[in-house]
């Protein structure tokens, strides 16, 4: 008889957990949408905050990582943008937008390294 309440409790816990995970997915989708709207409006800080939270809720979503990278670019955080684009491509190597954004971010980082080296060498 004791197994029956335990089985019921386990079922209730499983049902509650699956409901919570569903809510997390829904919340991530809402944050992705509002973060993308902020990104389109040029509000990098708000976009980063919302997309970072969406990413926490759905860590395997390449699209969220890609938009997070774009938000970091708008917010002037190029190192974090590069990492987000790398993660997006790692999650889905067929995400063409992320692949293109990663290539652009790597090129920009290399341009910045060369400019920094030129400035350093020119200043000595």
N, C-alpha and C. Protein backbone atom coordinates (compact mmCIF):
# COMPACT_ATOMS: atom_id res chain seq x y z
N UNK A 1 0.81 -1.20 0.00
CA UNK A 1 0.00 0.00 0.00
C UNK A 1 0.85 1.26 0.00
N UNK A 2 2.02 1.22 0.63
CA UNK A 2 2.86 2.40 0.69
C UNK A 2 3.39 2.79 -0.70
N UNK A 3 3.54 1.83 -1.59
CA UNK A 3 4.06 2.14 -2.91
C UNK A 3 3.09 2.98 -3.73
N UNK A 4 1.81 2.80 -3.49
CA UNK A 4 0.82 3.55 -4.25
C UNK A 4 0.95 5.05 -4.01
N UNK A 5 1.02 5.55 -2.76
CA UNK A 5 1.21 7.00 -2.56
C UNK A 5 2.53 7.50 -3.14
N UNK A 6 3.58 6.69 -3.06
CA UNK A 6 4.87 7.09 -3.62
C UNK A 6 4.76 7.20 -5.13
N UNK A 7 4.09 6.24 -5.75
CA UNK A 7 3.91 6.28 -7.20
C UNK A 7 3.09 7.49 -7.61
N UNK A 8 2.06 7.78 -6.85
CA UNK A 8 1.23 8.96 -7.15
C UNK A 8 2.05 10.23 -6.96
N UNK A 9 2.83 10.30 -5.89
CA UNK A 9 3.67 11.48 -5.64
C UNK A 9 4.69 11.65 -6.77
N UNK A 10 5.26 10.54 -7.23
CA UNK A 10 6.22 10.60 -8.33
C UNK A 10 5.57 11.09 -9.60
N UNK A 11 4.35 10.63 -9.87
CA UNK A 11 3.60 11.06 -11.04
C UNK A 11 3.29 12.55 -10.96
N UNK A 12 2.87 13.01 -9.79
CA UNK A 12 2.55 14.44 -9.59
C UNK A 12 3.81 15.28 -9.79
N UNK A 13 4.93 14.83 -9.25
CA UNK A 13 6.19 15.56 -9.43
C UNK A 13 6.58 15.61 -10.90
N UNK A 14 6.46 14.50 -11.60
CA UNK A 14 6.79 14.45 -13.02
C UNK A 14 5.88 15.38 -13.83
N UNK A 15 4.60 15.37 -13.52
CA UNK A 15 3.65 16.25 -14.21
C UNK A 15 3.98 17.71 -13.94
N UNK A 16 4.29 18.03 -12.71
CA UNK A 16 4.64 19.41 -12.37
C UNK A 16 5.92 19.83 -13.08
N UNK A 17 6.91 18.93 -13.11
CA UNK A 17 8.18 19.24 -13.77
C UNK A 17 7.98 19.44 -15.27
N UNK A 18 7.20 18.59 -15.91
CA UNK A 18 6.98 18.76 -17.34
C UNK A 18 6.21 20.03 -17.63
N UNK A 19 5.30 20.40 -16.76
CA UNK A 19 4.59 21.67 -16.91
C UNK A 19 5.54 22.84 -16.77
N UNK A 20 6.46 22.75 -15.83
CA UNK A 20 7.43 23.82 -15.62
C UNK A 20 8.35 23.96 -16.83
N UNK A 21 8.78 22.83 -17.37
CA UNK A 21 9.64 22.89 -18.55
C UNK A 21 8.90 23.51 -19.72
N UNK A 22 7.62 23.19 -19.86
CA UNK A 22 6.83 23.80 -20.91
C UNK A 22 6.74 25.30 -20.73
N UNK A 23 6.56 25.72 -19.49
CA UNK A 23 6.52 27.16 -19.19
C UNK A 23 7.85 27.82 -19.49
N UNK A 24 8.94 27.12 -19.22
CA UNK A 24 10.26 27.66 -19.51
C UNK A 24 10.42 27.87 -21.01
N UNK A 25 9.94 26.92 -21.79
CA UNK A 25 10.03 27.06 -23.24
C UNK A 25 9.19 28.23 -23.72
N UNK A 26 8.01 28.38 -23.16
CA UNK A 26 7.15 29.49 -23.54
C UNK A 26 7.78 30.82 -23.14
N UNK A 27 8.34 30.87 -21.95
CA UNK A 27 8.99 32.09 -21.48
C UNK A 27 10.21 32.42 -22.35
N UNK A 28 10.96 31.41 -22.74
CA UNK A 28 12.12 31.63 -23.60
C UNK A 28 11.68 32.20 -24.94
N UNK A 29 10.59 31.69 -25.48
CA UNK A 29 10.08 32.19 -26.76
C UNK A 29 9.64 33.66 -26.63
N UNK A 30 9.01 33.99 -25.52
CA UNK A 30 8.59 35.38 -25.29
C UNK A 30 9.81 36.29 -25.18
N UNK A 31 10.82 35.84 -24.45
CA UNK A 31 12.04 36.64 -24.29
C UNK A 31 12.79 36.77 -25.61
N UNK A 32 12.80 35.71 -26.41
CA UNK A 32 13.43 35.76 -27.73
C UNK A 32 12.73 36.82 -28.59
N UNK A 33 11.41 36.81 -28.57
CA UNK A 33 10.65 37.77 -29.37
C UNK A 33 10.88 39.20 -28.88
N UNK A 34 10.78 39.44 -27.59
CA UNK A 34 10.95 40.80 -27.08
C UNK A 34 12.41 41.24 -27.20
N UNK A 35 13.34 40.31 -27.03
CA UNK A 35 14.75 40.65 -27.21
C UNK A 35 15.07 41.00 -28.65
N UNK A 36 14.45 40.30 -29.58
CA UNK A 36 14.63 40.59 -31.00
C UNK A 36 14.03 41.94 -31.35
N UNK A 37 12.89 42.27 -30.76
CA UNK A 37 12.29 43.59 -30.97
C UNK A 37 13.21 44.68 -30.44
N UNK A 38 13.79 44.47 -29.27
CA UNK A 38 14.73 45.44 -28.70
C UNK A 38 15.95 45.57 -29.61
N UNK A 39 16.42 44.47 -30.13
CA UNK A 39 17.56 44.47 -31.05
C UNK A 39 17.23 45.28 -32.29
N UNK A 40 16.06 45.05 -32.86
CA UNK A 40 15.64 45.79 -34.06
C UNK A 40 15.47 47.28 -33.78
N UNK A 41 15.15 47.62 -32.53
CA UNK A 41 15.00 49.02 -32.15
C UNK A 41 16.35 49.66 -31.79
N UNK A 42 17.42 48.86 -31.80
CA UNK A 42 18.74 49.39 -31.48
C UNK A 42 19.04 49.46 -30.00
N UNK A 43 18.21 48.84 -29.16
CA UNK A 43 18.41 48.84 -27.71
C UNK A 43 19.21 47.60 -27.32
N UNK A 44 20.52 47.70 -27.48
CA UNK A 44 21.39 46.56 -27.25
C UNK A 44 21.37 46.04 -25.84
N UNK A 45 21.34 46.92 -24.86
CA UNK A 45 21.38 46.49 -23.46
C UNK A 45 20.13 45.68 -23.10
N UNK A 46 18.96 46.17 -23.51
CA UNK A 46 17.72 45.44 -23.22
C UNK A 46 17.69 44.13 -24.00
N UNK A 47 18.15 44.17 -25.24
CA UNK A 47 18.20 42.95 -26.06
C UNK A 47 19.11 41.90 -25.42
N UNK A 48 20.27 42.33 -24.95
CA UNK A 48 21.20 41.40 -24.31
C UNK A 48 20.54 40.77 -23.08
N UNK A 49 19.93 41.58 -22.24
CA UNK A 49 19.33 41.06 -21.01
C UNK A 49 18.25 40.02 -21.32
N UNK A 50 17.39 40.32 -22.28
CA UNK A 50 16.30 39.41 -22.59
C UNK A 50 16.79 38.16 -23.31
N UNK A 51 17.69 38.32 -24.25
CA UNK A 51 18.19 37.17 -24.99
C UNK A 51 19.10 36.30 -24.14
N UNK A 52 19.82 36.90 -23.21
CA UNK A 52 20.65 36.10 -22.30
C UNK A 52 19.76 35.21 -21.43
N UNK A 53 18.64 35.77 -20.96
CA UNK A 53 17.70 34.99 -20.15
C UNK A 53 17.04 33.90 -21.01
N UNK A 54 16.67 34.22 -22.23
CA UNK A 54 16.11 33.22 -23.14
C UNK A 54 17.11 32.09 -23.36
N UNK A 55 18.37 32.44 -23.50
CA UNK A 55 19.43 31.46 -23.70
C UNK A 55 19.59 30.57 -22.47
N UNK A 56 19.43 31.15 -21.30
CA UNK A 56 19.52 30.35 -20.07
C UNK A 56 18.39 29.33 -20.02
N UNK A 57 17.21 29.73 -20.47
CA UNK A 57 16.05 28.85 -20.45
C UNK A 57 16.09 27.80 -21.56
N UNK A 58 16.68 28.16 -22.70
CA UNK A 58 16.77 27.25 -23.85
C UNK A 58 18.22 27.24 -24.36
N UNK A 59 19.13 26.61 -23.63
CA UNK A 59 20.55 26.68 -23.98
C UNK A 59 20.92 26.01 -25.30
N UNK A 60 20.05 25.17 -25.84
CA UNK A 60 20.36 24.47 -27.09
C UNK A 60 19.76 25.15 -28.32
N UNK A 61 19.25 26.36 -28.17
CA UNK A 61 18.61 27.06 -29.28
C UNK A 61 19.63 27.93 -30.01
N UNK A 62 20.04 27.48 -31.17
CA UNK A 62 21.02 28.20 -31.98
C UNK A 62 20.53 29.59 -32.36
N UNK A 63 19.24 29.72 -32.68
CA UNK A 63 18.68 31.02 -33.09
C UNK A 63 18.81 32.05 -31.98
N UNK A 64 18.56 31.61 -30.75
CA UNK A 64 18.68 32.52 -29.61
C UNK A 64 20.13 32.96 -29.45
N UNK A 65 21.06 32.03 -29.56
CA UNK A 65 22.48 32.37 -29.43
C UNK A 65 22.91 33.35 -30.52
N UNK A 66 22.41 33.14 -31.74
CA UNK A 66 22.76 34.04 -32.83
C UNK A 66 22.25 35.45 -32.55
N UNK A 67 21.00 35.57 -32.14
CA UNK A 67 20.46 36.90 -31.84
C UNK A 67 21.15 37.52 -30.63
N UNK A 68 21.54 36.68 -29.67
CA UNK A 68 22.30 37.19 -28.53
C UNK A 68 23.63 37.78 -29.02
N UNK A 69 24.26 37.12 -29.97
CA UNK A 69 25.49 37.65 -30.55
C UNK A 69 25.25 38.99 -31.21
N UNK A 70 24.17 39.11 -31.95
CA UNK A 70 23.83 40.40 -32.58
C UNK A 70 23.58 41.48 -31.53
N UNK A 71 22.91 41.10 -30.45
CA UNK A 71 22.65 42.06 -29.38
C UNK A 71 23.96 42.53 -28.75
N UNK A 72 24.89 41.60 -28.55
CA UNK A 72 26.20 41.98 -28.01
C UNK A 72 26.92 42.94 -28.96
N UNK A 73 26.80 42.72 -30.26
CA UNK A 73 27.41 43.65 -31.23
C UNK A 73 26.83 45.04 -31.04
N UNK A 74 25.50 45.14 -30.99
CA UNK A 74 24.83 46.43 -30.83
C UNK A 74 25.23 47.08 -29.50
N UNK A 75 25.45 46.26 -28.47
CA UNK A 75 25.83 46.77 -27.15
C UNK A 75 27.33 47.07 -27.06
N UNK A 76 28.08 46.81 -28.14
CA UNK A 76 29.51 47.10 -28.14
C UNK A 76 30.35 46.09 -27.39
N UNK A 77 29.86 44.86 -27.27
CA UNK A 77 30.58 43.81 -26.55
C UNK A 77 31.03 42.73 -27.53
N UNK A 78 32.05 43.06 -28.30
CA UNK A 78 32.47 42.20 -29.42
C UNK A 78 32.99 40.84 -28.99
N UNK A 79 33.67 40.76 -27.87
CA UNK A 79 34.19 39.47 -27.41
C UNK A 79 33.05 38.52 -27.06
N UNK A 80 32.03 39.04 -26.38
CA UNK A 80 30.87 38.22 -26.04
C UNK A 80 30.07 37.87 -27.29
N UNK A 81 30.02 38.78 -28.25
CA UNK A 81 29.33 38.50 -29.51
C UNK A 81 29.98 37.33 -30.22
N UNK A 82 31.29 37.34 -30.30
CA UNK A 82 32.02 36.26 -30.95
C UNK A 82 31.72 34.92 -30.27
N UNK A 83 31.72 34.91 -28.95
CA UNK A 83 31.43 33.68 -28.21
C UNK A 83 30.01 33.18 -28.48
N UNK A 84 29.05 34.10 -28.54
CA UNK A 84 27.66 33.71 -28.80
C UNK A 84 27.51 33.14 -30.22
N UNK A 85 28.17 33.77 -31.19
CA UNK A 85 28.10 33.25 -32.56
C UNK A 85 28.76 31.87 -32.65
N UNK A 86 29.87 31.69 -31.96
CA UNK A 86 30.54 30.38 -31.94
C UNK A 86 29.61 29.33 -31.34
N UNK A 87 28.92 29.68 -30.26
CA UNK A 87 27.99 28.75 -29.63
C UNK A 87 26.83 28.43 -30.56
N UNK A 88 26.32 29.44 -31.27
CA UNK A 88 25.21 29.22 -32.20
C UNK A 88 25.61 28.23 -33.29
N UNK A 89 26.80 28.37 -33.83
CA UNK A 89 27.27 27.47 -34.89
C UNK A 89 27.56 26.08 -34.32
N UNK A 90 28.09 26.04 -33.11
CA UNK A 90 28.34 24.76 -32.46
C UNK A 90 27.03 23.99 -32.27
N UNK A 91 25.98 24.69 -31.90
CA UNK A 91 24.67 24.07 -31.70
C UNK A 91 24.03 23.63 -33.01
N UNK A 92 24.25 24.40 -34.08
CA UNK A 92 23.64 24.08 -35.39
C UNK A 92 24.55 24.60 -36.48
N UNK A 93 25.37 23.71 -37.03
CA UNK A 93 26.33 24.13 -38.05
C UNK A 93 25.63 24.51 -39.36
N UNK A 94 24.34 24.24 -39.48
CA UNK A 94 23.60 24.62 -40.68
C UNK A 94 22.86 25.95 -40.50
N UNK A 95 23.07 26.62 -39.41
CA UNK A 95 22.47 27.94 -39.18
C UNK A 95 23.30 28.95 -40.00
N UNK A 96 22.84 29.22 -41.20
CA UNK A 96 23.57 30.07 -42.14
C UNK A 96 23.80 31.47 -41.59
N UNK A 97 22.80 32.05 -40.97
CA UNK A 97 22.94 33.40 -40.43
C UNK A 97 24.03 33.42 -39.36
N UNK A 98 24.03 32.43 -38.48
CA UNK A 98 25.05 32.36 -37.43
C UNK A 98 26.44 32.16 -38.02
N UNK A 99 26.54 31.32 -39.04
CA UNK A 99 27.83 31.07 -39.70
C UNK A 99 28.36 32.36 -40.32
N UNK A 100 27.49 33.11 -40.98
CA UNK A 100 27.90 34.38 -41.59
C UNK A 100 28.27 35.40 -40.51
N UNK A 101 27.50 35.45 -39.44
CA UNK A 101 27.80 36.39 -38.36
C UNK A 101 29.10 36.03 -37.66
N UNK A 102 29.36 34.73 -37.51
CA UNK A 102 30.62 34.30 -36.90
C UNK A 102 31.80 34.72 -37.77
N UNK A 103 31.69 34.53 -39.07
CA UNK A 103 32.78 34.92 -39.98
C UNK A 103 33.02 36.43 -39.91
N UNK A 104 31.95 37.20 -39.89
CA UNK A 104 32.08 38.67 -39.79
C UNK A 104 32.69 39.08 -38.46
N UNK A 105 32.28 38.43 -37.38
CA UNK A 105 32.82 38.76 -36.06
C UNK A 105 34.31 38.40 -35.97
N UNK A 106 34.68 37.27 -36.55
CA UNK A 106 36.10 36.90 -36.56
C UNK A 106 36.92 37.89 -37.38
N UNK A 107 36.39 38.31 -38.52
CA UNK A 107 37.10 39.29 -39.36
C UNK A 107 37.24 40.61 -38.62
N UNK A 108 36.19 41.04 -37.95
CA UNK A 108 36.24 42.30 -37.19
C UNK A 108 37.25 42.20 -36.05
N UNK A 109 37.29 41.05 -35.39
CA UNK A 109 38.25 40.86 -34.30
C UNK A 109 39.68 40.90 -34.82
N UNK A 110 39.89 40.29 -35.97
CA UNK A 110 41.24 40.32 -36.58
C UNK A 110 41.61 41.73 -37.00
N UNK A 111 40.69 42.46 -37.59
CA UNK A 111 40.94 43.86 -37.96
C UNK A 111 41.31 44.68 -36.72
N UNK A 112 40.60 44.44 -35.62
CA UNK A 112 40.87 45.17 -34.39
C UNK A 112 42.24 44.82 -33.84
N UNK A 113 42.60 43.53 -33.90
CA UNK A 113 43.94 43.11 -33.43
C UNK A 113 45.04 43.80 -34.25
N UNK A 114 44.84 43.85 -35.57
CA UNK A 114 45.83 44.49 -36.43
C UNK A 114 45.91 45.99 -36.15
N UNK A 115 44.78 46.63 -35.95
CA UNK A 115 44.77 48.06 -35.64
C UNK A 115 45.46 48.32 -34.31
N UNK A 116 45.20 47.46 -33.32
CA UNK A 116 45.84 47.62 -32.01
C UNK A 116 47.35 47.43 -32.12
N UNK A 117 47.78 46.44 -32.92
CA UNK A 117 49.21 46.19 -33.08
C UNK A 117 49.87 47.36 -33.79
N UNK A 118 49.22 47.90 -34.81
CA UNK A 118 49.77 49.04 -35.53
C UNK A 118 49.90 50.25 -34.62
N UNK A 119 48.87 50.49 -33.81
CA UNK A 119 48.91 51.62 -32.87
C UNK A 119 50.01 51.44 -31.84
N UNK A 120 50.15 50.21 -31.34
CA UNK A 120 51.18 49.93 -30.34
C UNK A 120 52.57 50.12 -30.93
N UNK A 121 52.79 49.57 -32.12
CA UNK A 121 54.10 49.67 -32.75
C UNK A 121 54.39 51.10 -33.19
N UNK A 122 53.37 51.82 -33.60
CA UNK A 122 53.56 53.20 -34.03
C UNK A 122 53.82 54.14 -32.87
N UNK A 123 53.36 53.74 -31.68
CA UNK A 123 53.52 54.60 -30.51
C UNK A 123 54.84 54.43 -29.79
N UNK A 124 55.69 53.45 -30.22
CA UNK A 124 56.94 53.23 -29.49
C UNK A 124 58.11 53.92 -30.09
